[in-house]
Amino acid sequence: MQAYGVWKEKNMYGKITMGCERTTFVIDEKGRVAKIWPKVKVDGHAVDVLANL
């Protein structure tokens, strides 16, 4: 998570903690990051990802 930069400080209801920021990465056949969706909202996300593959 640290290597991909998704381990972040989060603030929920005034309480600051460390946690994983929802992020989707598409890794290509050569092992490179081809696309990133940061701060993912769950609703509709799978449809968006599949449309971009």
PDB file of N, CA and C in Angstrom:
ATOM      1  N   MET A   1       0.825  -1.187   0.000  1.00  0.00           N
ATOM      2  CA  MET A   1       0.000   0.000   0.000  1.00  0.00           C
ATOM      3  C   MET A   1       0.869   1.250   0.000  1.00  0.00           C
ATOM      4  N   GLN A   2       1.971   1.217   0.718  1.00  0.00           N
ATOM      5  CA  GLN A   2       2.844   2.390   0.728  1.00  0.00           C
ATOM      6  C   GLN A   2       3.495   2.602  -0.634  1.00  0.00           C
ATOM      7  N   ALA A   3       3.887   1.519  -1.304  1.00  0.00           N
ATOM      8  CA  ALA A   3       4.530   1.629  -2.616  1.00  0.00           C
ATOM      9  C   ALA A   3       3.586   2.257  -3.647  1.00  0.00           C
ATOM     10  N   TYR A   4       2.303   1.996  -3.524  1.00  0.00           N
ATOM     11  CA  TYR A   4       1.326   2.551  -4.456  1.00  0.00           C
ATOM     12  C   TYR A   4       0.724   3.867  -3.957  1.00  0.00           C
ATOM     13  N   GLY A   5       1.114   4.303  -2.781  1.00  0.00           N
ATOM     14  CA  GLY A   5       0.673   5.593  -2.259  1.00  0.00           C
ATOM     15  C   GLY A   5      -0.758   5.639  -1.784  1.00  0.00           C
ATOM     16  N   VAL A   6      -1.291   4.492  -1.353  1.00  0.00           N
ATOM     17  CA  VAL A   6      -2.687   4.480  -0.905  1.00  0.00           C
ATOM     18  C   VAL A   6      -2.831   4.384   0.617  1.00  0.00           C
ATOM     19  N   TRP A   7      -1.722   4.290   1.340  1.00  0.00           N
ATOM     20  CA  TRP A   7      -1.769   4.307   2.806  1.00  0.00           C
ATOM     21  C   TRP A   7      -1.712   5.764   3.215  1.00  0.00           C
ATOM     22  N   LYS A   8      -2.825   6.308   3.677  1.00  0.00           N
ATOM     23  CA  LYS A   8      -2.935   7.745   3.899  1.00  0.00           C
ATOM     24  C   LYS A   8      -3.572   8.068   5.240  1.00  0.00           C
ATOM     25  N   GLU A   9      -3.393   9.310   5.623  1.00  0.00           N
ATOM     26  CA  GLU A   9      -4.077   9.822   6.803  1.00  0.00           C
ATOM     27  C   GLU A   9      -5.525  10.070   6.421  1.00  0.00           C
ATOM     28  N   LYS A  10      -6.436   9.591   7.245  1.00  0.00           N
ATOM     29  CA  LYS A  10      -7.856   9.743   6.984  1.00  0.00           C
ATOM     30  C   LYS A  10      -8.518  10.450   8.160  1.00  0.00           C
ATOM     31  N   ASN A  11      -9.549  11.196   7.870  1.00  0.00           N
ATOM     32  CA  ASN A  11     -10.277  11.926   8.896  1.00  0.00           C
ATOM     33  C   ASN A  11     -11.743  11.521   8.815  1.00  0.00           C
ATOM     34  N   MET A  12     -12.206  10.830   9.852  1.00  0.00           N
ATOM     35  CA  MET A  12     -13.604  10.407   9.876  1.00  0.00           C
ATOM     36  C   MET A  12     -14.249  10.904  11.156  1.00  0.00           C
ATOM     37  N   TYR A  13     -15.221  11.763  10.977  1.00  0.00           N
ATOM     38  CA  TYR A  13     -15.943  12.346  12.107  1.00  0.00           C
ATOM     39  C   TYR A  13     -15.001  13.012  13.104  1.00  0.00           C
ATOM     40  N   GLY A  14     -13.967  13.678  12.592  1.00  0.00           N
ATOM     41  CA  GLY A  14     -13.027  14.403  13.430  1.00  0.00           C
ATOM     42  C   GLY A  14     -11.913  13.568  14.019  1.00  0.00           C
ATOM     43  N   LYS A  15     -11.929  12.258  13.784  1.00  0.00           N
ATOM     44  CA  LYS A  15     -10.881  11.375  14.292  1.00  0.00           C
ATOM     45  C   LYS A  15      -9.899  11.075  13.152  1.00  0.00           C
ATOM     46  N   ILE A  16      -8.629  11.383  13.384  1.00  0.00           N
ATOM     47  CA  ILE A  16      -7.608  11.163  12.366  1.00  0.00           C
ATOM     48  C   ILE A  16      -6.938   9.817  12.603  1.00  0.00           C
ATOM     49  N   THR A  17      -6.945   8.984  11.553  1.00  0.00           N
ATOM     50  CA  THR A  17      -6.315   7.670  11.613  1.00  0.00           C
ATOM     51  C   THR A  17      -5.575   7.424  10.305  1.00  0.00           C
ATOM     52  N   MET A  18      -4.801   6.354  10.267  1.00  0.00           N
ATOM     53  CA  MET A  18      -4.152   5.936   9.035  1.00  0.00           C
ATOM     54  C   MET A  18      -4.976   4.791   8.446  1.00  0.00           C
ATOM     55  N   GLY A  19      -5.097   4.786   7.127  1.00  0.00           N
ATOM     56  CA  GLY A  19      -5.870   3.728   6.487  1.00  0.00           C
ATOM     57  C   GLY A  19      -5.655   3.715   4.985  1.00  0.00           C
ATOM     58  N   CYS A  20      -6.281   2.755   4.356  1.00  0.00           N
ATOM     59  CA  CYS A  20      -6.151   2.573   2.914  1.00  0.00           C
ATOM     60  C   CYS A  20      -7.197   3.420   2.194  1.00  0.00           C
ATOM     61  N   GLU A  21      -6.737   4.244   1.244  1.00  0.00           N
ATOM     62  CA  GLU A  21      -7.648   5.010   0.410  1.00  0.00           C
ATOM     63  C   GLU A  21      -8.097   4.105  -0.736  1.00  0.00           C
ATOM     64  N   ARG A  22      -9.395   3.957  -0.929  1.00  0.00           N
ATOM     65  CA  ARG A  22      -9.905   3.090  -1.999  1.00  0.00           C
ATOM     66  C   ARG A  22      -9.391   3.581  -3.337  1.00  0.00           C
ATOM     67  N   THR A  23      -8.619   2.740  -3.988  1.00  0.00           N
ATOM     68  CA  THR A  23      -8.014   3.068  -5.278  1.00  0.00           C
ATOM     69  C   THR A  23      -7.967   1.798  -6.119  1.00  0.00           C
ATOM     70  N   THR A  24      -8.249   1.935  -7.404  1.00  0.00           N
ATOM     71  CA  THR A  24      -8.154   0.803  -8.316  1.00  0.00           C
ATOM     72  C   THR A  24      -7.014   1.059  -9.292  1.00  0.00           C
ATOM     73  N   PHE A  25      -6.176   0.036  -9.476  1.00  0.00           N
ATOM     74  CA  PHE A  25      -5.076   0.103 -10.422  1.00  0.00           C
ATOM     75  C   PHE A  25      -5.280  -0.976 -11.469  1.00  0.00           C
ATOM     76  N   VAL A  26      -5.099  -0.642 -12.734  1.00  0.00           N
ATOM     77  CA  VAL A  26      -5.057  -1.646 -13.797  1.00  0.00           C
ATOM     78  C   VAL A  26      -3.586  -1.798 -14.158  1.00  0.00           C
ATOM     79  N   ILE A  27      -3.098  -3.022 -14.035  1.00  0.00           N
ATOM     80  CA  ILE A  27      -1.707  -3.335 -14.341  1.00  0.00           C
ATOM     81  C   ILE A  27      -1.682  -4.028 -15.705  1.00  0.00           C
ATOM     82  N   ASP A  28      -0.852  -3.524 -16.639  1.00  0.00           N
ATOM     83  CA  ASP A  28      -0.819  -4.122 -17.980  1.00  0.00           C
ATOM     84  C   ASP A  28       0.031  -5.394 -18.011  1.00  0.00           C
ATOM     85  N   GLU A  29       0.091  -6.014 -19.175  1.00  0.00           N
ATOM     86  CA  GLU A  29       0.797  -7.291 -19.322  1.00  0.00           C
ATOM     87  C   GLU A  29       2.301  -7.178 -19.087  1.00  0.00           C
ATOM     88  N   LYS A  30       2.837  -5.971 -19.117  1.00  0.00           N
ATOM     89  CA  LYS A  30       4.268  -5.760 -18.844  1.00  0.00           C
ATOM     90  C   LYS A  30       4.533  -5.381 -17.388  1.00  0.00           C
ATOM     91  N   GLY A  31       3.472  -5.385 -16.581  1.00  0.00           N
ATOM     92  CA  GLY A  31       3.608  -5.079 -15.159  1.00  0.00           C
ATOM     93  C   GLY A  31       3.600  -3.595 -14.840  1.00  0.00           C
ATOM     94  N   ARG A  32       3.201  -2.780 -15.789  1.00  0.00           N
ATOM     95  CA  ARG A  32       3.149  -1.332 -15.579  1.00  0.00           C
ATOM     96  C   ARG A  32       1.731  -0.902 -15.229  1.00  0.00           C
ATOM     97  N   VAL A  33       1.638   0.164 -14.463  1.00  0.00           N
ATOM     98  CA  VAL A  33       0.324   0.718 -14.118  1.00  0.00           C
ATOM     99  C   VAL A  33      -0.221   1.408 -15.366  1.00  0.00           C
ATOM    100  N   ALA A  34      -1.348   0.900 -15.867  1.00  0.00           N
ATOM    101  CA  ALA A  34      -1.952   1.436 -17.088  1.00  0.00           C
ATOM    102  C   ALA A  34      -3.017   2.488 -16.792  1.00  0.00           C
ATOM    103  N   LYS A  35      -3.704   2.358 -15.666  1.00  0.00           N
ATOM    104  CA  LYS A  35      -4.779   3.295 -15.311  1.00  0.00           C
ATOM    105  C   LYS A  35      -4.977   3.274 -13.806  1.00  0.00           C
ATOM    106  N   ILE A  36      -5.316   4.433 -13.268  1.00  0.00           N
ATOM    107  CA  ILE A  36      -5.564   4.573 -11.824  1.00  0.00           C
ATOM    108  C   ILE A  36      -6.882   5.302 -11.616  1.00  0.00           C
ATOM    109  N   TRP A  37      -7.692   4.758 -10.711  1.00  0.00           N
ATOM    110  CA  TRP A  37      -8.906   5.430 -10.251  1.00  0.00           C
ATOM    111  C   TRP A  37      -8.701   5.745  -8.774  1.00  0.00           C
ATOM    112  N   PRO A  38      -8.374   6.975  -8.410  1.00  0.00           N
ATOM    113  CA  PRO A  38      -8.200   7.313  -6.992  1.00  0.00           C
ATOM    114  C   PRO A  38      -9.528   7.647  -6.323  1.00  0.00           C
ATOM    115  N   LYS A  39      -9.541   7.522  -5.012  1.00  0.00           N
ATOM    116  CA  LYS A  39     -10.706   7.894  -4.196  1.00  0.00           C
ATOM    117  C   LYS A  39     -11.993   7.287  -4.747  1.00  0.00           C
ATOM    118  N   VAL A  40     -11.994   5.991  -4.922  1.00  0.00           N
ATOM    119  CA  VAL A  40     -13.096   5.257  -5.545  1.00  0.00           C
ATOM    120  C   VAL A  40     -14.371   5.331  -4.714  1.00  0.00           C
ATOM    121  N   LYS A  41     -15.463   5.593  -5.396  1.00  0.00           N
ATOM    122  CA  LYS A  41     -16.806   5.454  -4.821  1.00  0.00           C
ATOM    123  C   LYS A  41     -17.349   4.131  -5.358  1.00  0.00           C
ATOM    124  N   VAL A  42     -17.908   3.313  -4.522  1.00  0.00           N
ATOM    125  CA  VAL A  42     -18.291   1.956  -4.882  1.00  0.00           C
ATOM    126  C   VAL A  42     -19.366   1.916  -5.972  1.00  0.00           C
ATOM    127  N   ASP A  43     -20.424   2.707  -5.824  1.00  0.00           N
ATOM    128  CA  ASP A  43     -21.545   2.658  -6.769  1.00  0.00           C
ATOM    129  C   ASP A  43     -21.088   2.968  -8.194  1.00  0.00           C
ATOM    130  N   GLY A  44     -21.285   2.017  -9.094  1.00  0.00           N
ATOM    131  CA  GLY A  44     -20.963   2.192 -10.497  1.00  0.00           C
ATOM    132  C   GLY A  44     -19.508   2.014 -10.872  1.00  0.00           C
ATOM    133  N   HIS A  45     -18.649   1.795  -9.899  1.00  0.00           N
ATOM    134  CA  HIS A  45     -17.220   1.727 -10.178  1.00  0.00           C
ATOM    135  C   HIS A  45     -16.838   0.533 -11.055  1.00  0.00           C
ATOM    136  N   ALA A  46     -17.404  -0.623 -10.770  1.00  0.00           N
ATOM    137  CA  ALA A  46     -17.071  -1.818 -11.554  1.00  0.00           C
ATOM    138  C   ALA A  46     -17.431  -1.620 -13.027  1.00  0.00           C
ATOM    139  N   VAL A  47     -18.558  -0.999 -13.291  1.00  0.00           N
ATOM    140  CA  VAL A  47     -18.975  -0.731 -14.673  1.00  0.00           C
ATOM    141  C   VAL A  47     -17.971   0.193 -15.352  1.00  0.00           C
ATOM    142  N   ASP A  48     -17.511   1.217 -14.642  1.00  0.00           N
ATOM    143  CA  ASP A  48     -16.530   2.161 -15.189  1.00  0.00           C
ATOM    144  C   ASP A  48     -15.216   1.455 -15.505  1.00  0.00           C
ATOM    145  N   VAL A  49     -14.745   0.617 -14.600  1.00  0.00           N
ATOM    146  CA  VAL A  49     -13.491  -0.106 -14.814  1.00  0.00           C
ATOM    147  C   VAL A  49     -13.617  -1.034 -16.021  1.00  0.00           C
ATOM    148  N   LEU A  50     -14.667  -1.816 -16.077  1.00  0.00           N
ATOM    149  CA  LEU A  50     -14.853  -2.749 -17.199  1.00  0.00           C
ATOM    150  C   LEU A  50     -14.947  -2.018 -18.530  1.00  0.00           C
ATOM    151  N   ALA A  51     -15.544  -0.854 -18.552  1.00  0.00           N
ATOM    152  CA  ALA A  51     -15.661  -0.072 -19.779  1.00  0.00           C
ATOM    153  C   ALA A  51     -14.320   0.452 -20.255  1.00  0.00           C
ATOM    154  N   ASN A  52     -13.366   0.552 -19.358  1.00  0.00           N
ATOM    155  CA  ASN A  52     -12.041   1.084 -19.694  1.00  0.00           C
ATOM    156  C   ASN A  52     -10.988   0.009 -19.909  1.00  0.00           C
ATOM    157  N   LEU A  53     -11.374  -1.248 -19.874  1.00  0.00           N
ATOM    158  CA  LEU A  53     -10.394  -2.328 -20.105  1.00  0.00           C
ATOM    159  C   LEU A  53     -10.253  -2.602 -21.582  1.00  0.00           C
TER     160      LEU A  53
END
